Amino acid sequence: MWEFVVCDALVKVHPVRVPRPVAGATRFQAFLGEPASFQLAYRPPMEATFRDPRPLRVRVEGDAADLVAMSCVDLVPCAFLALPGHDDGYEFDEPGLYPDLLRPMPDGEAPVRFGGWGALWFDVTTTDPARAGVHELTIVVSSPDGAELHRASVSVEITGIELPPLDIVSSHWMHLDSLADHYGVEVFSEEHWALVDRFMASAAEMGATSLLTPVWTPPLDTAIGSYRTVVQLIDITATDGGHSFGFDRLRRWLELCRRNGITGVEIAHLFTQWGAEATPGIVVDQERAFGWDVAATDPQYRILMEALLPALQAVLDEEWDREHVVFHISDEPSGEGGLASYLAAKAVVADLLKGWTVVDALSEHSFYTSGAVPVPVVATDHVEPFLAERPERLWVYYCVSQDRDVANRFIGMPSARNRAIGHQLFASGVDGFLHWGFNFWYTWHAIRQVDPFTDTSAGGAFPSGDPFAVYPGPDGTPWPSIRHRVFAQAMWDHRALQAIRSAHGLDAALDLIDPDRTLRFNRPVLDPDHYYQARRRMTAALT
């Protein structure tokens, strides 16, 4: 007999584990514009005689059937899920195939996996208040011959409330070179711009409000002495009197940001990563003029910045609200020597950045107390001293190193550990969140490309899922991951809590998610039902 189980969106359906069914009375809920997501797990007859590989047919019935998008939850290879001795908050820790990729199903065909569970993912979405209400949907699964195998009834509630925009920065580094390299298109060709537009929209759908802007090729995750594909938005020409600049591509980038709802502009780092010792690989007259071989304090770099930064800032003032623009000096400086080199590099441009916000990721509290970094972006496993001695503005981030005791979105972790960040960000009152890997489809230090459908760990350097949250669909369309969808849910949680704070006060909002006031970044709640119960309370508070 075929087996079917309706599951919530925080379940990861593994082929050889019986999936956790949704509680019988559960109603899947979303606000206007938010997907209400659920899954249908299925397993073919566990009999050696069952050998029909033809796909099943799936359709949705009900008055909201036209609001439903279906995806197949595909398995992806994971060679590195967790470090030895990891904490207990992992769902999977052995190499293998695991659910992550949401492959669109426009034809309604679901693959058959002999001997194991598969899953289908359903998103129900509308921005139309007239479509708000409780909708009864029926998922109908049929055999290739048309015989009906199963009907699953699902109740979905679209709450007719438009939530306020996210009031913190949600920054994600979209890598334009990765798009060009993977799809084999010329940088800033029309094909490339179309990819940028589509993947930018996907980032916004995930909850991103700010993207790294490659005014020059970002000097990030690059092996010393090597360079990534040039994706420099600014044209720079040497002249007898110095330099002239072309900003047409930057203006086009900013227009795409506006169109896709991206409100933050994050200028690429002015110096190299992990020490600020060298300059970015900036191209002048179509040739590289700076880079690893040019020191951060080289006088020629100062000369260029004296001309370039004021010109860039004039364009930003014309196109954007500078309150939503940040500059970076260098990423993740550390150690006594790192502080000295960071301060030396910062001194090269400090006077040119007056009146603008400078933000950098760091882990060491001394970099803030020294005054080196006025707006720190702190790793979530190092943030407690910063919360105790609170900067005026504070962001947090997690990445590969935040693998113990804190929220993260590795494939091996349960989805609740991903969703936890929304509650944590709100309860802590921080001003922003940053993640480096929206679509990093390379190995460690970008030494070579990888196929993200077969390598989810950057060649084994990072836990699977850390380098990217989105897959490159073969037609140039971004295919989301489960982690993409769940992180978006976390941001919607934050927005709902914002609305409750505005209507009823901060304490009322906190009472819904943290009545004992014990929520900390190093204590993510891993019970999936916690997030559904909290959402029910949020919805009740707003209706």
Protein backbone atom coordinates (compact mmCIF):
# COMPACT_ATOMS: atom_id res chain seq x y z
CA MET A 1 0.00 0.00 0.00
CA TRP A 2 1.07 3.58 -0.66
CA GLU A 3 1.58 5.65 2.48
CA PHE A 4 0.92 9.39 2.83
CA VAL A 5 1.58 11.79 5.72
CA VAL A 6 0.78 15.52 5.89
CA CYS A 7 3.71 17.36 7.54
CA ASP A 8 4.41 20.92 8.58
CA ALA A 9 7.15 23.01 6.98
CA LEU A 10 9.66 22.39 9.79
CA VAL A 11 9.86 18.66 9.07
CA LYS A 12 12.73 17.29 6.99
CA VAL A 13 11.42 14.15 5.29
CA HIS A 14 14.27 11.66 5.11
CA PRO A 15 13.93 8.56 2.88
CA VAL A 16 14.35 6.01 5.69
CA ARG A 17 12.70 7.83 8.62
CA VAL A 18 8.96 7.84 9.18
CA PRO A 19 8.05 11.55 9.02
CA ARG A 20 6.43 13.36 11.92
CA PRO A 21 2.77 13.98 11.01
CA VAL A 22 1.12 17.29 11.60
CA ALA A 23 -1.31 17.46 14.49
CA GLY A 24 -4.84 16.78 13.34
CA ALA A 25 -6.19 20.18 14.34
CA THR A 26 -3.32 22.19 12.87
CA ARG A 27 -4.21 25.01 10.52
CA PHE A 28 -1.41 26.39 8.41
CA GLN A 29 -1.39 30.19 8.64
CA ALA A 30 0.23 33.10 6.81
CA PHE A 31 -0.16 36.86 6.48
CA LEU A 32 -0.73 38.70 3.21
CA GLY A 33 2.25 38.09 0.95
CA GLU A 34 3.63 35.28 3.12
CA PRO A 35 3.53 31.67 1.91
CA ALA A 36 1.61 29.26 4.11
CA SER A 37 3.76 26.16 3.67
CA PHE A 38 3.18 22.47 4.33
CA GLN A 39 4.34 19.14 2.97
CA LEU A 40 2.91 15.83 1.88
CA ALA A 41 5.24 12.90 2.49
CA TYR A 42 4.66 9.73 0.51
CA ARG A 43 6.15 6.26 0.18
CA PRO A 44 5.43 3.61 -2.44
CA PRO A 45 4.52 0.05 -1.51
CA MET A 46 7.39 -1.60 0.35
CA GLU A 47 7.23 -4.71 -1.80
CA ALA A 48 9.90 -6.10 -4.09
CA THR A 49 7.29 -6.65 -6.77
CA PHE A 50 6.46 -2.92 -7.03
CA ARG A 51 8.64 -1.64 -9.89
CA ASP A 52 6.65 1.12 -11.59
CA PRO A 53 9.02 4.13 -11.96
CA ARG A 54 6.50 6.40 -13.67
CA PRO A 55 5.78 9.66 -11.81
CA LEU A 56 2.62 10.20 -9.84
CA ARG A 57 0.13 12.90 -10.77
CA VAL A 58 -0.66 15.54 -8.15
CA ARG A 59 -3.32 18.23 -8.22
CA VAL A 60 -4.90 20.61 -5.70
CA GLU A 61 -8.64 21.14 -5.33
CA GLY A 62 -10.41 23.89 -3.45
CA ASP A 63 -11.35 27.55 -3.73
CA ALA A 64 -7.71 28.59 -3.21
CA ALA A 65 -6.15 26.04 -5.56
CA ASP A 66 -4.97 28.84 -7.83
CA LEU A 67 -2.91 30.27 -4.96
CA VAL A 68 -0.87 27.08 -4.54
CA ALA A 69 2.64 26.47 -5.89
CA MET A 70 3.97 22.90 -5.74
CA SER A 71 7.58 21.78 -5.44
CA CYS A 72 9.28 18.43 -5.10
CA VAL A 73 11.67 18.12 -2.17
CA ASP A 74 14.80 16.73 -3.81
CA LEU A 75 17.65 15.02 -2.02
CA VAL A 76 21.13 16.52 -2.31
CA PRO A 77 24.53 14.98 -1.52
CA CYS A 78 26.09 16.09 1.76
CA ALA A 79 29.66 14.99 2.40
CA PHE A 80 30.20 17.17 5.49
CA LEU A 81 27.26 17.74 7.80
CA ALA A 82 28.81 18.34 11.22
CA LEU A 83 32.16 18.36 12.98
CA PRO A 84 33.03 15.50 15.33
CA GLY A 85 31.82 16.18 18.85
CA HIS A 86 29.04 18.49 17.67
CA ASP A 87 26.21 19.51 19.98
CA ASP A 88 22.90 17.64 20.19
CA GLY A 89 21.03 20.11 17.98
CA TYR A 90 21.63 18.30 14.69
CA GLU A 91 19.14 16.14 12.86
CA PHE A 92 21.67 14.49 10.55
CA ASP A 93 25.42 14.09 11.01
CA GLU A 94 26.53 11.34 8.62
CA PRO A 95 27.38 11.80 4.92
CA GLY A 96 24.51 10.94 2.64
CA LEU A 97 21.56 12.24 0.66
CA TYR A 98 19.29 14.69 2.49
CA PRO A 99 16.18 16.77 1.69
CA ASP A 100 16.90 20.40 0.79
CA LEU A 101 16.20 21.44 -2.81
CA LEU A 102 12.68 22.59 -3.72
CA ARG A 103 12.33 21.78 -7.41
CA PRO A 104 9.28 23.41 -9.03
CA MET A 105 6.54 21.06 -10.25
CA PRO A 106 4.62 23.01 -12.89
CA ASP A 107 3.47 19.76 -14.51
CA GLY A 108 2.30 18.21 -11.23
CA GLU A 109 4.49 15.12 -11.65
CA ALA A 110 6.00 13.63 -8.49
CA PRO A 111 8.89 11.15 -8.70
CA VAL A 112 8.72 7.68 -7.18
CA ARG A 113 11.53 6.66 -4.82
CA PHE A 114 11.53 2.92 -4.34
CA GLY A 115 11.91 1.87 -0.73
CA GLY A 116 11.91 5.37 0.73
CA TRP A 117 9.91 8.44 1.64
CA GLY A 118 9.68 11.44 -0.63
CA ALA A 119 7.98 14.77 -0.03
CA LEU A 120 6.09 17.47 -1.87
CA TRP A 121 6.16 21.08 -0.71
CA PHE A 122 3.16 23.41 -1.04
CA ASP A 123 3.16 27.21 -0.75
CA VAL A 124 -0.18 29.05 -0.56
CA THR A 125 0.28 32.78 -1.12
CA THR A 126 -1.77 35.88 -1.87
CA THR A 127 -1.43 39.62 -1.43
CA ASP A 128 -5.14 40.18 -2.10
CA PRO A 129 -7.14 40.97 1.07
CA ALA A 130 -10.22 39.69 -0.71
CA ARG A 131 -8.70 36.21 -0.71
CA ALA A 132 -8.06 36.22 3.03
CA GLY A 133 -9.82 33.64 5.17
CA VAL A 134 -9.76 29.95 5.92
CA HIS A 135 -9.39 27.77 2.84
CA GLU A 136 -9.97 24.03 2.72
CA LEU A 137 -7.65 22.41 0.21
CA THR A 138 -7.51 18.83 -0.99
CA ILE A 139 -4.31 17.31 -2.35
CA VAL A 140 -5.17 14.55 -4.80
CA VAL A 141 -2.50 12.02 -5.74
CA SER A 142 -3.11 9.67 -8.67
CA SER A 143 -1.19 6.83 -10.26
CA PRO A 144 0.22 7.21 -13.78
CA ASP A 145 -2.86 5.36 -15.02
CA GLY A 146 -5.21 7.89 -13.39
CA ALA A 147 -6.33 5.77 -10.43
CA GLU A 148 -6.73 7.89 -7.33
CA LEU A 149 -4.29 6.84 -4.60
CA HIS A 150 -4.93 9.41 -1.88
CA ARG A 151 -6.77 12.55 -0.85
CA ALA A 152 -5.30 14.75 1.85
CA SER A 153 -7.36 17.55 3.40
CA VAL A 154 -5.45 20.62 4.56
CA SER A 155 -6.78 23.77 6.20
CA VAL A 156 -4.97 27.00 5.35
CA GLU A 157 -5.66 30.39 6.89
CA ILE A 158 -4.59 33.56 5.11
CA THR A 159 -4.81 36.38 7.67
CA GLY A 160 -5.86 39.57 5.91
CA ILE A 161 -3.17 41.73 7.52
CA GLU A 162 -0.33 43.44 5.70
CA LEU A 163 2.62 43.39 8.07
CA PRO A 164 5.08 46.29 8.33
CA PRO A 165 8.37 46.00 6.43
CA LEU A 166 11.23 44.37 8.29
CA ASP A 167 12.70 47.08 10.50
CA ILE A 168 16.15 45.55 10.86
CA VAL A 169 18.78 45.01 8.19
CA SER A 170 18.75 41.50 6.73
CA SER A 171 21.91 41.41 4.65
CA HIS A 172 22.91 38.57 2.36
CA TRP A 173 25.91 38.47 0.08
CA MET A 174 24.79 37.66 -3.44
CA HIS A 175 27.80 36.77 -5.58
CA LEU A 176 27.45 38.13 -9.11
CA ASP A 177 30.55 36.28 -10.32
CA SER A 178 28.98 33.01 -9.21
CA LEU A 179 25.97 33.67 -11.46
CA ALA A 180 28.15 34.51 -14.46
CA ASP A 181 30.53 31.60 -13.91
CA HIS A 182 27.87 28.96 -13.32
CA TYR A 183 25.68 29.94 -16.27
CA GLY A 184 28.62 30.73 -18.58
CA VAL A 185 27.45 34.22 -19.50
CA GLU A 186 29.45 37.40 -19.98
CA VAL A 187 29.54 39.62 -16.92
CA PHE A 188 26.99 42.44 -17.23
CA SER A 189 25.63 41.12 -20.50
CA GLU A 190 21.86 41.25 -20.80
CA GLU A 191 21.77 37.57 -19.87
CA HIS A 192 23.75 38.31 -16.74
CA TRP A 193 21.55 41.23 -15.73
CA ALA A 194 18.48 39.01 -16.14
CA LEU A 195 20.04 36.46 -13.78
CA VAL A 196 20.91 39.18 -11.28
CA ASP A 197 17.31 40.41 -11.35
CA ARG A 198 15.82 36.96 -10.76
CA PHE A 199 18.21 35.98 -7.99
CA MET A 200 17.81 39.38 -6.34
CA ALA A 201 14.06 38.78 -6.27
CA SER A 202 14.67 35.39 -4.66
CA ALA A 203 16.87 36.99 -2.00
CA ALA A 204 14.11 39.48 -1.23
CA GLU A 205 11.63 36.62 -1.04
CA MET A 206 13.90 34.98 1.56
CA GLY A 207 13.74 38.13 3.65
CA ALA A 208 16.83 39.99 2.48
CA THR A 209 16.62 43.76 2.70
CA SER A 210 20.26 44.51 1.85
CA LEU A 211 22.72 43.06 -0.65
CA LEU A 212 26.47 43.43 -1.07
CA THR A 213 27.00 45.91 -3.91
CA PRO A 214 30.10 45.16 -6.02
CA VAL A 215 31.19 48.70 -6.85
CA TRP A 216 34.50 46.84 -7.27
CA THR A 217 34.94 43.06 -7.10
CA PRO A 218 34.52 42.24 -3.40
CA PRO A 219 37.85 41.09 -1.88
CA LEU A 220 36.18 38.21 -0.05
CA ASP A 221 36.74 34.46 0.18
CA THR A 222 39.63 34.67 -2.25
CA ALA A 223 42.94 32.83 -1.96
CA ILE A 224 45.90 35.16 -1.43
CA GLY A 225 47.41 36.01 -4.79
CA SER A 226 44.39 34.91 -6.79
CA TYR A 227 41.36 36.79 -8.12
CA ARG A 228 37.74 36.03 -8.78
CA THR A 229 35.86 36.92 -11.94
CA VAL A 230 35.67 40.71 -12.20
CA VAL A 231 32.19 42.08 -11.41
CA GLN A 232 33.05 45.76 -10.96
CA LEU A 233 30.05 48.05 -11.34
CA ILE A 234 32.07 51.27 -11.68
CA ASP A 235 34.04 52.12 -14.81
CA ILE A 236 37.36 53.76 -13.92
CA THR A 237 39.50 55.57 -16.48
CA ALA A 238 42.90 57.13 -15.86
CA THR A 239 43.18 60.72 -17.08
CA ASP A 240 45.95 63.30 -17.14
CA GLY A 241 44.42 64.93 -14.08
CA GLY A 242 43.67 61.72 -12.17
CA HIS A 243 40.62 59.53 -12.84
CA SER A 244 37.14 59.71 -14.30
CA PHE A 245 34.27 57.39 -13.42
CA GLY A 246 31.25 55.84 -15.06
CA PHE A 247 28.32 54.86 -12.87
CA ASP A 248 25.79 53.56 -15.40
CA ARG A 249 26.05 49.97 -14.18
CA LEU A 250 25.78 51.04 -10.56
CA ARG A 251 22.63 53.01 -11.34
CA ARG A 252 21.18 49.95 -13.07
CA TRP A 253 22.00 47.85 -10.01
CA LEU A 254 20.28 50.35 -7.74
CA GLU A 255 17.22 50.37 -9.97
CA LEU A 256 17.03 46.56 -9.69
CA CYS A 257 17.27 46.90 -5.91
CA ARG A 258 14.37 49.36 -5.92
CA ARG A 259 12.29 47.14 -8.16
CA ASN A 260 12.86 44.08 -5.97
CA GLY A 261 12.27 45.78 -2.64
CA ILE A 262 15.90 45.82 -1.53
CA THR A 263 16.29 48.89 0.69
CA GLY A 264 19.91 48.53 1.85
CA VAL A 265 23.08 49.17 -0.16
CA GLU A 266 26.17 47.52 1.24
CA ILE A 267 29.34 48.81 -0.43
CA ALA A 268 32.02 46.17 -1.08
CA HIS A 269 34.93 46.10 1.34
CA LEU A 270 37.67 48.68 0.84
CA PHE A 271 40.44 46.26 1.85
CA THR A 272 41.11 42.53 1.81
CA GLN A 273 39.64 40.06 4.27
CA TRP A 274 41.14 38.81 7.56
CA GLY A 275 43.61 41.62 8.19
CA ALA A 276 43.05 44.49 5.76
CA GLU A 277 46.61 44.18 4.49
CA ALA A 278 46.00 44.69 0.75
CA THR A 279 43.71 46.48 -1.69
CA PRO A 280 40.84 45.01 -3.72
CA GLY A 281 41.50 43.94 -7.30
CA ILE A 282 40.18 47.20 -8.74
CA VAL A 283 40.24 47.52 -12.52
CA VAL A 284 41.33 50.77 -14.18
CA ASP A 285 41.21 51.11 -17.97
CA GLN A 286 40.06 47.47 -18.14
CA GLU A 287 43.22 46.19 -16.44
CA ARG A 288 43.80 45.29 -12.83
CA ALA A 289 45.57 48.18 -11.13
CA PHE A 290 45.29 47.12 -7.48
CA GLY A 291 45.11 43.85 -5.56
CA TRP A 292 47.14 41.53 -3.39
CA ASP A 293 50.38 43.08 -4.64
CA VAL A 294 49.35 46.61 -3.59
CA ALA A 295 49.46 47.32 0.14
CA ALA A 296 46.49 48.83 1.93
CA THR A 297 48.52 51.93 2.73
CA ASP A 298 49.96 52.40 -0.75
CA PRO A 299 49.78 56.15 -1.65
CA GLN A 300 48.33 55.36 -5.07
CA TYR A 301 45.31 53.75 -3.46
CA ARG A 302 44.72 56.83 -1.36
CA ILE A 303 44.91 58.96 -4.50
CA LEU A 304 42.28 56.80 -6.18
CA MET A 305 40.00 56.85 -3.14
CA GLU A 306 40.25 60.64 -2.82
CA ALA A 307 38.63 60.86 -6.25
CA LEU A 308 36.43 57.75 -6.27
CA LEU A 309 34.73 57.84 -2.88
CA PRO A 310 33.34 61.41 -3.17
CA ALA A 311 32.10 60.64 -6.69
CA LEU A 312 30.50 57.39 -5.51
CA GLN A 313 28.92 59.11 -2.53
CA ALA A 314 27.46 61.81 -4.77
CA VAL A 315 25.73 59.13 -6.85
CA LEU A 316 24.47 57.38 -3.70
CA ASP A 317 23.11 60.65 -2.31
CA GLU A 318 21.31 61.22 -5.60
CA GLU A 319 19.91 57.69 -5.85
CA TRP A 320 19.50 56.46 -2.26
CA ASP A 321 18.90 57.42 1.34
CA ARG A 322 22.33 57.36 2.97
CA GLU A 323 20.74 56.06 6.16
CA HIS A 324 20.41 52.79 4.25
CA VAL A 325 23.98 52.70 2.91
CA VAL A 326 26.88 51.06 4.72
CA PHE A 327 30.58 50.90 3.94
CA HIS A 328 33.00 48.16 4.97
CA ILE A 329 36.73 48.41 5.79
CA SER A 330 37.63 44.70 6.07
CA ASP A 331 35.88 41.46 6.98
CA GLU A 332 36.65 39.59 10.22
CA PRO A 333 39.85 41.25 11.50
CA SER A 334 41.28 39.49 14.54
CA GLY A 335 44.27 39.43 16.85
CA GLU A 336 46.62 42.17 17.99
CA GLY A 337 48.31 42.33 14.59
CA GLY A 338 44.91 42.34 12.92
CA LEU A 339 43.82 45.36 14.91
CA ALA A 340 46.96 47.28 13.94
CA SER A 341 46.60 46.49 10.24
CA TYR A 342 42.86 47.24 10.35
CA LEU A 343 43.47 50.65 11.95
CA ALA A 344 46.22 51.44 9.43
CA ALA A 345 43.91 50.61 6.53
CA LYS A 346 40.98 52.49 8.05
CA ALA A 347 43.17 55.59 8.42
CA VAL A 348 43.64 55.64 4.63
CA VAL A 349 39.93 56.35 4.08
CA ALA A 350 38.50 57.46 7.42
CA ASP A 351 38.22 61.14 6.50
CA LEU A 352 36.52 60.18 3.23
CA LEU A 353 33.82 58.22 5.08
CA LYS A 354 32.75 60.91 7.55
CA GLY A 355 28.97 61.11 7.69
CA TRP A 356 28.57 57.55 6.39
CA THR A 357 27.95 54.34 8.33
CA VAL A 358 30.87 51.92 8.57
CA VAL A 359 30.03 48.32 9.51
CA ASP A 360 32.29 45.28 9.82
CA ALA A 361 32.00 41.67 10.93
CA LEU A 362 34.13 40.72 13.92
CA SER A 363 34.27 38.39 16.88
CA GLU A 364 36.66 40.09 19.29
CA HIS A 365 35.16 42.58 21.73
CA SER A 366 38.41 44.58 21.78
CA PHE A 367 37.81 45.72 18.20
CA TYR A 368 34.69 47.51 19.39
CA THR A 369 36.05 48.86 22.69
CA SER A 370 39.13 50.22 20.87
CA GLY A 371 36.83 52.32 18.68
CA ALA A 372 38.03 50.60 15.52
CA VAL A 373 34.56 49.40 14.48
CA PRO A 374 31.69 51.71 15.51
CA VAL A 375 28.94 49.39 14.20
CA PRO A 376 30.04 45.81 14.82
CA VAL A 377 28.55 42.75 13.14
CA VAL A 378 29.19 40.11 15.76
CA ALA A 379 29.16 36.32 15.50
CA THR A 380 26.18 34.99 17.44
CA ASP A 381 28.43 32.79 19.58
CA HIS A 382 30.49 35.83 20.64
CA VAL A 383 27.74 38.42 21.05
CA GLU A 384 27.01 38.27 24.79
CA PRO A 385 29.72 40.82 25.80
CA PHE A 386 28.38 43.19 23.16
CA LEU A 387 24.84 42.83 24.48
CA ALA A 388 26.09 43.51 28.00
CA GLU A 389 27.99 46.62 26.90
CA ARG A 390 25.56 47.57 24.18
CA PRO A 391 26.79 49.58 21.18
CA GLU A 392 24.39 52.17 19.86
CA ARG A 393 23.97 49.98 16.78
CA LEU A 394 24.66 46.25 16.67
CA TRP A 395 24.32 43.58 14.01
CA VAL A 396 24.90 39.84 14.32
CA TYR A 397 25.86 37.09 11.90
CA TYR A 398 26.39 33.37 11.73
CA CYS A 399 28.31 31.24 9.25
CA VAL A 400 30.52 28.14 9.21
CA SER A 401 32.04 28.69 12.66
CA GLN A 402 28.70 29.09 14.44
CA ASP A 403 28.18 25.34 14.56
CA ARG A 404 27.58 24.88 18.28
CA ASP A 405 24.74 25.99 20.56
CA VAL A 406 23.41 28.78 18.32
CA ALA A 407 20.92 29.05 15.48
CA ASN A 408 22.14 28.31 11.97
CA ARG A 409 20.86 26.87 8.70
CA PHE A 410 23.12 23.91 7.89
CA ILE A 411 21.36 21.07 6.08
CA GLY A 412 22.17 18.74 8.97
CA MET A 413 20.32 20.92 11.46
CA PRO A 414 16.57 20.72 12.10
CA SER A 415 14.55 23.47 10.47
CA ALA A 416 13.50 24.81 13.88
CA ARG A 417 17.14 25.78 14.47
CA ASN A 418 16.92 27.90 11.31
CA ARG A 419 13.60 29.51 12.22
CA ALA A 420 14.85 30.39 15.70
CA ILE A 421 16.78 33.42 14.45
CA GLY A 422 13.63 35.50 13.92
CA HIS A 423 12.60 35.26 17.58
CA GLN A 424 16.20 35.81 18.72
CA LEU A 425 16.74 38.92 16.63
CA PHE A 426 13.54 40.48 17.93
CA ALA A 427 14.08 39.56 21.58
CA SER A 428 17.66 40.88 21.56
CA GLY A 429 16.69 44.12 19.82
CA VAL A 430 19.67 44.06 17.47
CA ASP A 431 19.70 46.23 14.36
CA GLY A 432 20.73 43.78 11.69
CA PHE A 433 21.66 40.28 10.57
CA LEU A 434 24.25 39.27 7.98
CA HIS A 435 25.06 36.06 6.15
CA TRP A 436 27.86 35.63 3.64
CA GLY A 437 26.52 32.80 1.49
CA PHE A 438 23.39 33.36 -0.56
CA ASN A 439 24.86 31.74 -3.70
CA PHE A 440 28.54 30.91 -3.21
CA TRP A 441 28.98 28.07 -5.70
CA TYR A 442 32.74 27.65 -5.28
CA THR A 443 35.20 25.73 -3.16
CA TRP A 444 37.01 27.27 -0.20
CA HIS A 445 38.64 30.58 -1.19
CA ALA A 446 36.88 30.40 -4.58
CA ILE A 447 39.69 28.25 -5.99
CA ARG A 448 37.33 26.47 -8.37
CA GLN A 449 33.65 26.25 -9.24
CA VAL A 450 31.39 23.52 -7.90
CA ASP A 451 28.09 22.13 -9.09
CA PRO A 452 25.79 22.99 -6.15
CA PHE A 453 23.50 20.11 -7.07
CA THR A 454 26.31 17.66 -6.27
CA ASP A 455 28.49 19.64 -3.81
CA THR A 456 26.76 21.44 -0.96
CA SER A 457 29.85 22.02 1.22
CA ALA A 458 32.25 24.09 -0.94
CA GLY A 459 34.42 21.09 -1.71
CA GLY A 460 34.25 19.87 1.88
CA ALA A 461 35.30 23.15 3.52
CA PHE A 462 32.00 24.16 5.14
CA PRO A 463 29.07 22.22 6.60
CA SER A 464 26.59 21.43 3.85
CA GLY A 465 24.24 24.34 3.27
CA ASP A 466 26.49 27.08 4.65
CA PRO A 467 27.75 28.34 1.24
CA PHE A 468 24.35 28.90 -0.35
CA ALA A 469 20.60 28.97 0.26
CA VAL A 470 19.50 28.88 -3.38
CA TYR A 471 20.20 26.57 -6.32
CA PRO A 472 20.73 27.60 -9.97
CA GLY A 473 17.77 26.25 -11.94
CA PRO A 474 18.73 25.11 -15.43
CA ASP A 475 16.64 27.83 -17.10
CA GLY A 476 18.27 30.63 -15.09
CA THR A 477 15.54 30.53 -12.45
CA PRO A 478 16.55 30.36 -8.78
CA TRP A 479 15.33 27.22 -7.07
CA PRO A 480 14.92 27.72 -3.32
CA SER A 481 15.99 25.35 -0.60
CA ILE A 482 13.99 24.34 2.45
CA ARG A 483 16.41 26.59 4.34
CA HIS A 484 15.51 29.54 2.11
CA ARG A 485 11.83 29.09 2.89
CA VAL A 486 12.32 28.60 6.63
CA PHE A 487 14.62 31.62 7.00
CA ALA A 488 11.89 33.64 5.30
CA GLN A 489 9.42 32.35 7.91
CA ALA A 490 11.79 33.63 10.62
CA MET A 491 11.74 37.10 9.07
CA TRP A 492 7.94 37.02 8.86
CA ASP A 493 7.89 36.13 12.56
CA HIS A 494 9.97 39.24 13.24
CA ARG A 495 7.60 41.40 11.21
CA ALA A 496 4.57 40.04 13.07
CA LEU A 497 6.26 40.80 16.38
CA GLN A 498 6.98 44.34 15.15
CA ALA A 499 3.27 44.81 14.46
CA ILE A 500 2.36 43.53 17.92
CA ARG A 501 4.94 45.83 19.53
CA SER A 502 3.42 48.79 17.69
CA ALA A 503 -0.11 47.85 18.73
CA HIS A 504 0.41 46.56 22.26
CA GLY A 505 3.96 47.38 23.38
CA LEU A 506 7.26 45.50 23.55
CA ASP A 507 6.41 43.46 26.63
CA ALA A 508 3.25 42.14 24.99
CA ALA A 509 5.26 40.99 21.99
CA LEU A 510 7.95 39.37 24.12
CA ASP A 511 5.35 37.60 26.24
CA LEU A 512 4.31 35.65 23.14
CA ILE A 513 7.77 34.19 22.45
CA ASP A 514 9.79 34.62 25.65
CA PRO A 515 7.54 34.98 28.71
CA ASP A 516 10.38 34.10 31.10
CA ARG A 517 12.83 36.46 29.33
CA THR A 518 15.37 33.64 29.02
CA LEU A 519 15.76 33.61 25.23
CA ARG A 520 19.41 34.00 24.20
CA PHE A 521 21.38 33.48 21.00
CA ASN A 522 23.01 30.41 22.56
CA ARG A 523 19.64 28.89 23.46
CA PRO A 524 17.67 28.37 20.25
CA VAL A 525 14.36 26.61 20.81
CA LEU A 526 14.40 23.37 18.81
CA ASP A 527 10.80 22.29 19.38
CA PRO A 528 8.99 22.86 16.07
CA ASP A 529 5.62 23.21 17.79
CA HIS A 530 6.95 26.22 19.71
CA TYR A 531 6.99 28.24 16.47
CA TYR A 532 3.49 27.20 15.41
CA GLN A 533 2.06 27.93 18.85
CA ALA A 534 3.86 31.28 18.94
CA ARG A 535 2.50 32.13 15.50
CA ARG A 536 -1.03 31.29 16.62
CA ARG A 537 -0.60 33.67 19.53
CA MET A 538 0.78 36.37 17.22
CA THR A 539 -2.15 36.00 14.86
CA ALA A 540 -4.63 36.21 17.73
CA ALA A 541 -2.92 39.37 19.01
CA LEU A 542 -3.33 41.06 15.63
CA THR A 543 -6.90 40.02 14.82
